[in-house]
Amino acid sequence: MSAYEGLLRVEGEDEPPIGVVVDLTDGRMRVSAGDIEVADWSLDEVRVAALLDGFHVRAEGDEVVLEIEDEGHFALDLGLKSGHPALRRKMAALLRDD
């Protein structure tokens, strides 16, 4: 799976989150809301931290938080090795099932 549905919010902003699709193909993270492309980053350009409130993505001096429905697969597709305990359990279960 390379496309994930979720919510995006800008860290530090009070605006409500927007529904997005995050596509992880070809070494890129493309974020779109409907027909609008919100972001298109090389995975080499971003830093992702899996925290309790979502995936904190830092790129180009900004930080956004992604709440992804299928967070276990998303974390594995990103190649993350760490995260909060519940996420690590989901990741371990997915790895066992494979």
PDB file of N, CA and C in Angstrom:
ATOM      1  N   MET A   1       0.845  -1.172   0.000  1.00  0.00           N
ATOM      2  CA  MET A   1       0.000   0.000   0.000  1.00  0.00           C
ATOM      3  C   MET A   1       0.891   1.236   0.000  1.00  0.00           C
ATOM      4  N   SER A   2       0.544   2.205  -0.813  1.00  0.00           N
ATOM      5  CA  SER A   2       1.372   3.403  -0.873  1.00  0.00           C
ATOM      6  C   SER A   2       0.567   4.687  -0.691  1.00  0.00           C
ATOM      7  N   ALA A   3      -0.757   4.606  -0.617  1.00  0.00           N
ATOM      8  CA  ALA A   3      -1.588   5.794  -0.415  1.00  0.00           C
ATOM      9  C   ALA A   3      -2.381   5.620   0.878  1.00  0.00           C
ATOM     10  N   TYR A   4      -2.361   6.649   1.702  1.00  0.00           N
ATOM     11  CA  TYR A   4      -2.971   6.592   3.025  1.00  0.00           C
ATOM     12  C   TYR A   4      -3.881   7.778   3.238  1.00  0.00           C
ATOM     13  N   GLU A   5      -5.066   7.527   3.790  1.00  0.00           N
ATOM     14  CA  GLU A   5      -5.990   8.602   4.117  1.00  0.00           C
ATOM     15  C   GLU A   5      -5.742   9.065   5.540  1.00  0.00           C
ATOM     16  N   GLY A   6      -5.955  10.351   5.764  1.00  0.00           N
ATOM     17  CA  GLY A   6      -5.776  10.875   7.104  1.00  0.00           C
ATOM     18  C   GLY A   6      -6.162  12.329   7.198  1.00  0.00           C
ATOM     19  N   LEU A   7      -5.700  12.941   8.273  1.00  0.00           N
ATOM     20  CA  LEU A   7      -5.952  14.351   8.538  1.00  0.00           C
ATOM     21  C   LEU A   7      -4.620  15.074   8.674  1.00  0.00           C
ATOM     22  N   LEU A   8      -4.581  16.311   8.214  1.00  0.00           N
ATOM     23  CA  LEU A   8      -3.375  17.130   8.298  1.00  0.00           C
ATOM     24  C   LEU A   8      -3.703  18.404   9.043  1.00  0.00           C
ATOM     25  N   ARG A   9      -2.810  18.768   9.963  1.00  0.00           N
ATOM     26  CA  ARG A   9      -2.913  20.071  10.614  1.00  0.00           C
ATOM     27  C   ARG A   9      -1.515  20.654  10.698  1.00  0.00           C
ATOM     28  N   VAL A  10      -1.457  21.966  10.736  1.00  0.00           N
ATOM     29  CA  VAL A  10      -0.173  22.659  10.857  1.00  0.00           C
ATOM     30  C   VAL A  10       0.132  22.807  12.334  1.00  0.00           C
ATOM     31  N   GLU A  11       1.323  22.377  12.732  1.00  0.00           N
ATOM     32  CA  GLU A  11       1.733  22.469  14.131  1.00  0.00           C
ATOM     33  C   GLU A  11       1.694  23.918  14.592  1.00  0.00           C
ATOM     34  N   GLY A  12       1.056  24.151  15.736  1.00  0.00           N
ATOM     35  CA  GLY A  12       0.990  25.492  16.299  1.00  0.00           C
ATOM     36  C   GLY A  12      -0.178  26.333  15.806  1.00  0.00           C
ATOM     37  N   GLU A  13      -0.951  25.827  14.864  1.00  0.00           N
ATOM     38  CA  GLU A  13      -2.103  26.567  14.341  1.00  0.00           C
ATOM     39  C   GLU A  13      -3.384  26.051  14.994  1.00  0.00           C
ATOM     40  N   ASP A  14      -4.392  26.915  15.078  1.00  0.00           N
ATOM     41  CA  ASP A  14      -5.670  26.535  15.674  1.00  0.00           C
ATOM     42  C   ASP A  14      -6.704  26.096  14.640  1.00  0.00           C
ATOM     43  N   GLU A  15      -6.337  26.110  13.377  1.00  0.00           N
ATOM     44  CA  GLU A  15      -7.269  25.726  12.317  1.00  0.00           C
ATOM     45  C   GLU A  15      -7.613  24.236  12.436  1.00  0.00           C
ATOM     46  N   PRO A  16      -8.836  23.857  12.074  1.00  0.00           N
ATOM     47  CA  PRO A  16      -9.185  22.432  12.115  1.00  0.00           C
ATOM     48  C   PRO A  16      -8.390  21.655  11.056  1.00  0.00           C
ATOM     49  N   PRO A  17      -8.177  20.357  11.293  1.00  0.00           N
ATOM     50  CA  PRO A  17      -7.429  19.561  10.311  1.00  0.00           C
ATOM     51  C   PRO A  17      -8.229  19.385   9.025  1.00  0.00           C
ATOM     52  N   ILE A  18      -7.494  19.112   7.940  1.00  0.00           N
ATOM     53  CA  ILE A  18      -8.150  18.857   6.651  1.00  0.00           C
ATOM     54  C   ILE A  18      -7.908  17.398   6.255  1.00  0.00           C
ATOM     55  N   GLY A  19      -8.858  16.835   5.546  1.00  0.00           N
ATOM     56  CA  GLY A  19      -8.724  15.476   5.044  1.00  0.00           C
ATOM     57  C   GLY A  19      -7.734  15.443   3.889  1.00  0.00           C
ATOM     58  N   VAL A  20      -6.804  14.491   3.947  1.00  0.00           N
ATOM     59  CA  VAL A  20      -5.775  14.387   2.912  1.00  0.00           C
ATOM     60  C   VAL A  20      -5.542  12.924   2.542  1.00  0.00           C
ATOM     61  N   VAL A  21      -4.876  12.750   1.417  1.00  0.00           N
ATOM     62  CA  VAL A  21      -4.336  11.466   1.001  1.00  0.00           C
ATOM     63  C   VAL A  21      -2.835  11.654   0.883  1.00  0.00           C
ATOM     64  N   VAL A  22      -2.090  10.761   1.510  1.00  0.00           N
ATOM     65  CA  VAL A  22      -0.631  10.820   1.478  1.00  0.00           C
ATOM     66  C   VAL A  22      -0.152   9.656   0.629  1.00  0.00           C
ATOM     67  N   ASP A  23       0.564   9.966  -0.446  1.00  0.00           N
ATOM     68  CA  ASP A  23       1.079   8.964  -1.375  1.00  0.00           C
ATOM     69  C   ASP A  23       2.588   8.833  -1.163  1.00  0.00           C
ATOM     70  N   LEU A  24       3.020   7.614  -0.857  1.00  0.00           N
ATOM     71  CA  LEU A  24       4.445   7.341  -0.653  1.00  0.00           C
ATOM     72  C   LEU A  24       4.941   6.442  -1.781  1.00  0.00           C
ATOM     73  N   THR A  25       5.235   7.037  -2.915  1.00  0.00           N
ATOM     74  CA  THR A  25       5.789   6.267  -4.029  1.00  0.00           C
ATOM     75  C   THR A  25       6.986   7.002  -4.602  1.00  0.00           C
ATOM     76  N   ASP A  26       7.855   6.241  -5.223  1.00  0.00           N
ATOM     77  CA  ASP A  26       9.020   6.799  -5.917  1.00  0.00           C
ATOM     78  C   ASP A  26       9.904   7.651  -5.015  1.00  0.00           C
ATOM     79  N   GLY A  27       9.989   7.288  -3.719  1.00  0.00           N
ATOM     80  CA  GLY A  27      10.857   8.033  -2.817  1.00  0.00           C
ATOM     81  C   GLY A  27      10.356   9.419  -2.470  1.00  0.00           C
ATOM     82  N   ARG A  28       9.042   9.634  -2.619  1.00  0.00           N
ATOM     83  CA  ARG A  28       8.462  10.956  -2.363  1.00  0.00           C
ATOM     84  C   ARG A  28       7.282  10.826  -1.417  1.00  0.00           C
ATOM     85  N   MET A  29       6.947  11.919  -0.764  1.00  0.00           N
ATOM     86  CA  MET A  29       5.728  12.030   0.028  1.00  0.00           C
ATOM     87  C   MET A  29       4.892  13.129  -0.612  1.00  0.00           C
ATOM     88  N   ARG A  30       3.801  12.709  -1.235  1.00  0.00           N
ATOM     89  CA  ARG A  30       2.893  13.663  -1.873  1.00  0.00           C
ATOM     90  C   ARG A  30       1.611  13.708  -1.051  1.00  0.00           C
ATOM     91  N   VAL A  31       1.222  14.912  -0.672  1.00  0.00           N
ATOM     92  CA  VAL A  31       0.038  15.106   0.153  1.00  0.00           C
ATOM     93  C   VAL A  31      -0.962  15.909  -0.661  1.00  0.00           C
ATOM     94  N   SER A  32      -2.184  15.382  -0.774  1.00  0.00           N
ATOM     95  CA  SER A  32      -3.206  16.101  -1.535  1.00  0.00           C
ATOM     96  C   SER A  32      -4.518  16.118  -0.763  1.00  0.00           C
ATOM     97  N   ALA A  33      -5.259  17.200  -0.983  1.00  0.00           N
ATOM     98  CA  ALA A  33      -6.597  17.363  -0.425  1.00  0.00           C
ATOM     99  C   ALA A  33      -7.527  17.535  -1.612  1.00  0.00           C
ATOM    100  N   GLY A  34      -8.226  16.473  -1.943  1.00  0.00           N
ATOM    101  CA  GLY A  34      -9.037  16.496  -3.159  1.00  0.00           C
ATOM    102  C   GLY A  34      -8.126  16.634  -4.362  1.00  0.00           C
ATOM    103  N   ASP A  35      -8.382  17.620  -5.217  1.00  0.00           N
ATOM    104  CA  ASP A  35      -7.569  17.849  -6.410  1.00  0.00           C
ATOM    105  C   ASP A  35      -6.390  18.785  -6.157  1.00  0.00           C
ATOM    106  N   ILE A  36      -6.232  19.243  -4.927  1.00  0.00           N
ATOM    107  CA  ILE A  36      -5.181  20.207  -4.605  1.00  0.00           C
ATOM    108  C   ILE A  36      -3.979  19.504  -3.993  1.00  0.00           C
ATOM    109  N   GLU A  37      -2.808  19.723  -4.599  1.00  0.00           N
ATOM    110  CA  GLU A  37      -1.579  19.176  -4.036  1.00  0.00           C
ATOM    111  C   GLU A  37      -1.102  20.106  -2.929  1.00  0.00           C
ATOM    112  N   VAL A  38      -1.032  19.580  -1.718  1.00  0.00           N
ATOM    113  CA  VAL A  38      -0.621  20.354  -0.556  1.00  0.00           C
ATOM    114  C   VAL A  38       0.893  20.357  -0.413  1.00  0.00           C
ATOM    115  N   ALA A  39       1.514  19.208  -0.686  1.00  0.00           N
ATOM    116  CA  ALA A  39       2.966  19.093  -0.542  1.00  0.00           C
ATOM    117  C   ALA A  39       3.482  17.984  -1.449  1.00  0.00           C
ATOM    118  N   ASP A  40       4.734  18.133  -1.858  1.00  0.00           N
ATOM    119  CA  ASP A  40       5.435  17.111  -2.636  1.00  0.00           C
ATOM    120  C   ASP A  40       6.904  17.186  -2.230  1.00  0.00           C
ATOM    121  N   TRP A  41       7.318  16.274  -1.351  1.00  0.00           N
ATOM    122  CA  TRP A  41       8.672  16.278  -0.821  1.00  0.00           C
ATOM    123  C   TRP A  41       9.384  14.979  -1.161  1.00  0.00           C
ATOM    124  N   SER A  42      10.667  15.064  -1.378  1.00  0.00           N
ATOM    125  CA  SER A  42      11.496  13.869  -1.414  1.00  0.00           C
ATOM    126  C   SER A  42      11.569  13.347   0.013  1.00  0.00           C
ATOM    127  N   LEU A  43      11.512  12.033   0.191  1.00  0.00           N
ATOM    128  CA  LEU A  43      11.606  11.478   1.539  1.00  0.00           C
ATOM    129  C   LEU A  43      12.943  11.807   2.189  1.00  0.00           C
ATOM    130  N   ASP A  44      13.960  12.100   1.377  1.00  0.00           N
ATOM    131  CA  ASP A  44      15.256  12.508   1.919  1.00  0.00           C
ATOM    132  C   ASP A  44      15.202  13.901   2.541  1.00  0.00           C
ATOM    133  N   GLU A  45      14.189  14.701   2.165  1.00  0.00           N
ATOM    134  CA  GLU A  45      14.072  16.077   2.645  1.00  0.00           C
ATOM    135  C   GLU A  45      13.266  16.202   3.930  1.00  0.00           C
ATOM    136  N   VAL A  46      12.570  15.148   4.342  1.00  0.00           N
ATOM    137  CA  VAL A  46      11.662  15.251   5.479  1.00  0.00           C
ATOM    138  C   VAL A  46      12.192  14.492   6.682  1.00  0.00           C
ATOM    139  N   ARG A  47      11.806  14.950   7.840  1.00  0.00           N
ATOM    140  CA  ARG A  47      12.076  14.258   9.094  1.00  0.00           C
ATOM    141  C   ARG A  47      10.726  13.945   9.712  1.00  0.00           C
ATOM    142  N   VAL A  48      10.518  12.681  10.057  1.00  0.00           N
ATOM    143  CA  VAL A  48       9.233  12.242  10.595  1.00  0.00           C
ATOM    144  C   VAL A  48       9.435  11.674  11.990  1.00  0.00           C
ATOM    145  N   ALA A  49       8.626  12.145  12.920  1.00  0.00           N
ATOM    146  CA  ALA A  49       8.616  11.614  14.279  1.00  0.00           C
ATOM    147  C   ALA A  49       7.207  11.110  14.573  1.00  0.00           C
ATOM    148  N   ALA A  50       7.104   9.851  14.968  1.00  0.00           N
ATOM    149  CA  ALA A  50       5.807   9.254  15.295  1.00  0.00           C
ATOM    150  C   ALA A  50       5.507   9.500  16.771  1.00  0.00           C
ATOM    151  N   LEU A  51       4.616  10.444  17.040  1.00  0.00           N
ATOM    152  CA  LEU A  51       4.239  10.795  18.403  1.00  0.00           C
ATOM    153  C   LEU A  51       2.789  10.390  18.652  1.00  0.00           C
ATOM    154  N   LEU A  52       2.327  10.513  19.879  1.00  0.00           N
ATOM    155  CA  LEU A  52       0.966  10.093  20.210  1.00  0.00           C
ATOM    156  C   LEU A  52      -0.109  10.821  19.408  1.00  0.00           C
ATOM    157  N   ASP A  53       0.131  12.090  19.073  1.00  0.00           N
ATOM    158  CA  ASP A  53      -0.897  12.850  18.354  1.00  0.00           C
ATOM    159  C   ASP A  53      -0.769  12.755  16.840  1.00  0.00           C
ATOM    160  N   GLY A  54       0.171  11.963  16.341  1.00  0.00           N
ATOM    161  CA  GLY A  54       0.306  11.761  14.897  1.00  0.00           C
ATOM    162  C   GLY A  54       1.755  11.785  14.455  1.00  0.00           C
ATOM    163  N   PHE A  55       1.933  11.765  13.162  1.00  0.00           N
ATOM    164  CA  PHE A  55       3.260  11.795  12.560  1.00  0.00           C
ATOM    165  C   PHE A  55       3.651  13.255  12.332  1.00  0.00           C
ATOM    166  N   HIS A  56       4.655  13.717  13.046  1.00  0.00           N
ATOM    167  CA  HIS A  56       5.130  15.089  12.892  1.00  0.00           C
ATOM    168  C   HIS A  56       6.145  15.101  11.755  1.00  0.00           C
ATOM    169  N   VAL A  57       5.798  15.816  10.694  1.00  0.00           N
ATOM    170  CA  VAL A  57       6.629  15.864   9.498  1.00  0.00           C
ATOM    171  C   VAL A  57       7.243  17.258   9.400  1.00  0.00           C
ATOM    172  N   ARG A  58       8.564  17.298   9.357  1.00  0.00           N
ATOM    173  CA  ARG A  58       9.289  18.570   9.234  1.00  0.00           C
ATOM    174  C   ARG A  58       9.934  18.622   7.857  1.00  0.00           C
ATOM    175  N   ALA A  59       9.626  19.686   7.134  1.00  0.00           N
ATOM    176  CA  ALA A  59      10.208  19.889   5.806  1.00  0.00           C
ATOM    177  C   ALA A  59      10.145  21.366   5.465  1.00  0.00           C
ATOM    178  N   GLU A  60      11.182  21.840   4.813  1.00  0.00           N
ATOM    179  CA  GLU A  60      11.236  23.216   4.332  1.00  0.00           C
ATOM    180  C   GLU A  60      10.927  24.234   5.429  1.00  0.00           C
ATOM    181  N   GLY A  61      11.350  23.947   6.660  1.00  0.00           N
ATOM    182  CA  GLY A  61      11.153  24.884   7.756  1.00  0.00           C
ATOM    183  C   GLY A  61       9.779  24.849   8.393  1.00  0.00           C
ATOM    184  N   ASP A  62       8.893  24.005   7.920  1.00  0.00           N
ATOM    185  CA  ASP A  62       7.544  23.907   8.471  1.00  0.00           C
ATOM    186  C   ASP A  62       7.359  22.562   9.149  1.00  0.00           C
ATOM    187  N   GLU A  63       6.358  22.493  10.000  1.00  0.00           N
ATOM    188  CA  GLU A  63       6.009  21.216  10.629  1.00  0.00           C
ATOM    189  C   GLU A  63       4.515  21.007  10.524  1.00  0.00           C
ATOM    190  N   VAL A  64       4.138  19.860   9.990  1.00  0.00           N
ATOM    191  CA  VAL A  64       2.735  19.475   9.932  1.00  0.00           C
ATOM    192  C   VAL A  64       2.574  18.172  10.699  1.00  0.00           C
ATOM    193  N   VAL A  65       1.347  17.922  11.131  1.00  0.00           N
ATOM    194  CA  VAL A  65       1.042  16.687  11.844  1.00  0.00           C
ATOM    195  C   VAL A  65       0.023  15.917  11.012  1.00  0.00           C
ATOM    196  N   LEU A  66       0.360  14.669  10.713  1.00  0.00           N
ATOM    197  CA  LEU A  66      -0.523  13.788   9.962  1.00  0.00           C
ATOM    198  C   LEU A  66      -1.093  12.730  10.899  1.00  0.00           C
ATOM    199  N   GLU A  67      -2.404  12.635  10.942  1.00  0.00           N
ATOM    200  CA  GLU A  67      -3.075  11.546  11.648  1.00  0.00           C
ATOM    201  C   GLU A  67      -3.528  10.569  10.563  1.00  0.00           C
ATOM    202  N   ILE A  68      -2.846   9.441  10.472  1.00  0.00           N
ATOM    203  CA  ILE A  68      -3.095   8.472   9.410  1.00  0.00           C
ATOM    204  C   ILE A  68      -3.919   7.314   9.947  1.00  0.00           C
ATOM    205  N   GLU A  69      -4.964   6.918   9.203  1.00  0.00           N
ATOM    206  CA  GLU A  69      -5.837   5.836   9.644  1.00  0.00           C
ATOM    207  C   GLU A  69      -5.066   4.530   9.811  1.00  0.00           C
ATOM    208  N   ASP A  70      -4.253   4.165   8.860  1.00  0.00           N
ATOM    209  CA  ASP A  70      -3.487   2.915   8.900  1.00  0.00           C
ATOM    210  C   ASP A  70      -2.050   3.231   9.310  1.00  0.00           C
ATOM    211  N   GLU A  71      -1.887   3.669  10.560  1.00  0.00           N
ATOM    212  CA  GLU A  71      -0.594   4.182  10.986  1.00  0.00           C
ATOM    213  C   GLU A  71       0.507   3.129  11.017  1.00  0.00           C
ATOM    214  N   GLY A  72       0.161   1.869  11.252  1.00  0.00           N
ATOM    215  CA  GLY A  72       1.182   0.825  11.272  1.00  0.00           C
ATOM    216  C   GLY A  72       1.843   0.634   9.923  1.00  0.00           C
ATOM    217  N   HIS A  73       1.032   0.469   8.884  1.00  0.00           N
ATOM    218  CA  HIS A  73       1.584   0.319   7.532  1.00  0.00           C
ATOM    219  C   HIS A  73       2.327   1.582   7.098  1.00  0.00           C
ATOM    220  N   PHE A  74       1.756   2.739   7.435  1.00  0.00           N
ATOM    221  CA  PHE A  74       2.382   4.009   7.072  1.00  0.00           C
ATOM    222  C   PHE A  74       3.785   4.107   7.671  1.00  0.00           C
ATOM    223  N   ALA A  75       3.896   3.777   8.954  1.00  0.00           N
ATOM    224  CA  ALA A  75       5.202   3.828   9.627  1.00  0.00           C
ATOM    225  C   ALA A  75       6.193   2.869   8.979  1.00  0.00           C
ATOM    226  N   LEU A  76       5.732   1.672   8.655  1.00  0.00           N
ATOM    227  CA  LEU A  76       6.623   0.700   8.017  1.00  0.00           C
ATOM    228  C   LEU A  76       7.038   1.167   6.626  1.00  0.00           C
ATOM    229  N   ASP A  77       6.102   1.729   5.858  1.00  0.00           N
ATOM    230  CA  ASP A  77       6.442   2.234   4.522  1.00  0.00           C
ATOM    231  C   ASP A  77       7.444   3.381   4.589  1.00  0.00           C
ATOM    232  N   LEU A  78       7.394   4.155   5.668  1.00  0.00           N
ATOM    233  CA  LEU A  78       8.360   5.236   5.842  1.00  0.00           C
ATOM    234  C   LEU A  78       9.716   4.720   6.324  1.00  0.00           C
ATOM    235  N   GLY A  79       9.743   3.467   6.778  1.00  0.00           N
ATOM    236  CA  GLY A  79      10.985   2.901   7.291  1.00  0.00           C
ATOM    237  C   GLY A  79      11.281   3.316   8.718  1.00  0.00           C
ATOM    238  N   LEU A  80      10.244   3.730   9.451  1.00  0.00           N
ATOM    239  CA  LEU A  80      10.461   4.136  10.833  1.00  0.00           C
ATOM    240  C   LEU A  80      10.812   2.922  11.689  1.00  0.00           C
ATOM    241  N   LYS A  81      11.682   3.139  12.647  1.00  0.00           N
ATOM    242  CA  LYS A  81      12.106   2.080  13.561  1.00  0.00           C
ATOM    243  C   LYS A  81      11.584   2.322  14.968  1.00  0.00           C
ATOM    244  N   SER A  82      11.051   3.527  15.229  1.00  0.00           N
ATOM    245  CA  SER A  82      10.581   3.843  16.572  1.00  0.00           C
ATOM    246  C   SER A  82       9.263   4.588  16.494  1.00  0.00           C
ATOM    247  N   GLY A  83       8.619   4.675  17.633  1.00  0.00           N
ATOM    248  CA  GLY A  83       7.354   5.378  17.750  1.00  0.00           C
ATOM    249  C   GLY A  83       6.803   5.139  19.137  1.00  0.00           C
ATOM    250  N   HIS A  84       5.612   5.627  19.396  1.00  0.00           N
ATOM    251  CA  HIS A  84       5.007   5.402  20.704  1.00  0.00           C
ATOM    252  C   HIS A  84       4.661   3.915  20.847  1.00  0.00           C
ATOM    253  N   PRO A  85       4.485   3.419  22.075  1.00  0.00           N
ATOM    254  CA  PRO A  85       4.304   1.978  22.293  1.00  0.00           C
ATOM    255  C   PRO A  85       3.173   1.337  21.486  1.00  0.00           C
ATOM    256  N   ALA A  86       2.033   2.000  21.380  1.00  0.00           N
ATOM    257  CA  ALA A  86       0.920   1.408  20.623  1.00  0.00           C
ATOM    258  C   ALA A  86       1.287   1.252  19.150  1.00  0.00           C
ATOM    259  N   LEU A  87       1.984   2.222  18.595  1.00  0.00           N
ATOM    260  CA  LEU A  87       2.409   2.141  17.198  1.00  0.00           C
ATOM    261  C   LEU A  87       3.428   1.020  17.015  1.00  0.00           C
ATOM    262  N   ARG A  88       4.359   0.894  17.934  1.00  0.00           N
ATOM    263  CA  ARG A  88       5.354  -0.180  17.832  1.00  0.00           C
ATOM    264  C   ARG A  88       4.681  -1.547  17.867  1.00  0.00           C
ATOM    265  N   ARG A  89       3.637  -1.697  18.689  1.00  0.00           N
ATOM    266  CA  ARG A  89       2.906  -2.974  18.727  1.00  0.00           C
ATOM    267  C   ARG A  89       2.235  -3.255  17.380  1.00  0.00           C
ATOM    268  N   LYS A  90       1.633  -2.231  16.783  1.00  0.00           N
ATOM    269  CA  LYS A  90       0.987  -2.413  15.464  1.00  0.00           C
ATOM    270  C   LYS A  90       2.022  -2.793  14.409  1.00  0.00           C
ATOM    271  N   MET A  91       3.165  -2.119  14.440  1.00  0.00           N
ATOM    272  CA  MET A  91       4.224  -2.410  13.479  1.00  0.00           C
ATOM    273  C   MET A  91       4.728  -3.848  13.653  1.00  0.00           C
ATOM    274  N   ALA A  92       4.928  -4.263  14.901  1.00  0.00           N
ATOM    275  CA  ALA A  92       5.428  -5.613  15.169  1.00  0.00           C
ATOM    276  C   ALA A  92       4.414  -6.654  14.703  1.00  0.00           C
ATOM    277  N   ALA A  93       3.130  -6.410  14.932  1.00  0.00           N
ATOM    278  CA  ALA A  93       2.099  -7.350  14.490  1.00  0.00           C
ATOM    279  C   ALA A  93       2.091  -7.470  12.975  1.00  0.00           C
ATOM    280  N   LEU A  94       2.241  -6.353  12.276  1.00  0.00           N
ATOM    281  CA  LEU A  94       2.259  -6.387  10.804  1.00  0.00           C
ATOM    282  C   LEU A  94       3.486  -7.147  10.300  1.00  0.00           C
ATOM    283  N   LEU A  95       4.614  -6.947  10.942  1.00  0.00           N
ATOM    284  CA  LEU A  95       5.830  -7.666  10.536  1.00  0.00           C
ATOM    285  C   LEU A  95       5.695  -9.164  10.790  1.00  0.00           C
ATOM    286  N   ARG A  96       5.044  -9.542  11.896  1.00  0.00           N
ATOM    287  CA  ARG A  96       4.813 -10.971  12.176  1.00  0.00           C
ATOM    288  C   ARG A  96       3.909 -11.606  11.146  1.00  0.00           C
ATOM    289  N   ASP A  97       2.879 -10.846  10.709  1.00  0.00           N
ATOM    290  CA  ASP A  97       1.909 -11.374   9.755  1.00  0.00           C
ATOM    291  C   ASP A  97       2.522 -11.575   8.368  1.00  0.00           C
ATOM    292  N   ASP A  98       3.572 -10.830   8.053  1.00  0.00           N
ATOM    293  CA  ASP A  98       4.218 -10.951   6.738  1.00  0.00           C
ATOM    294  C   ASP A  98       5.086 -12.111   6.696  1.00  0.00           C
TER     295      ASP A  98
END
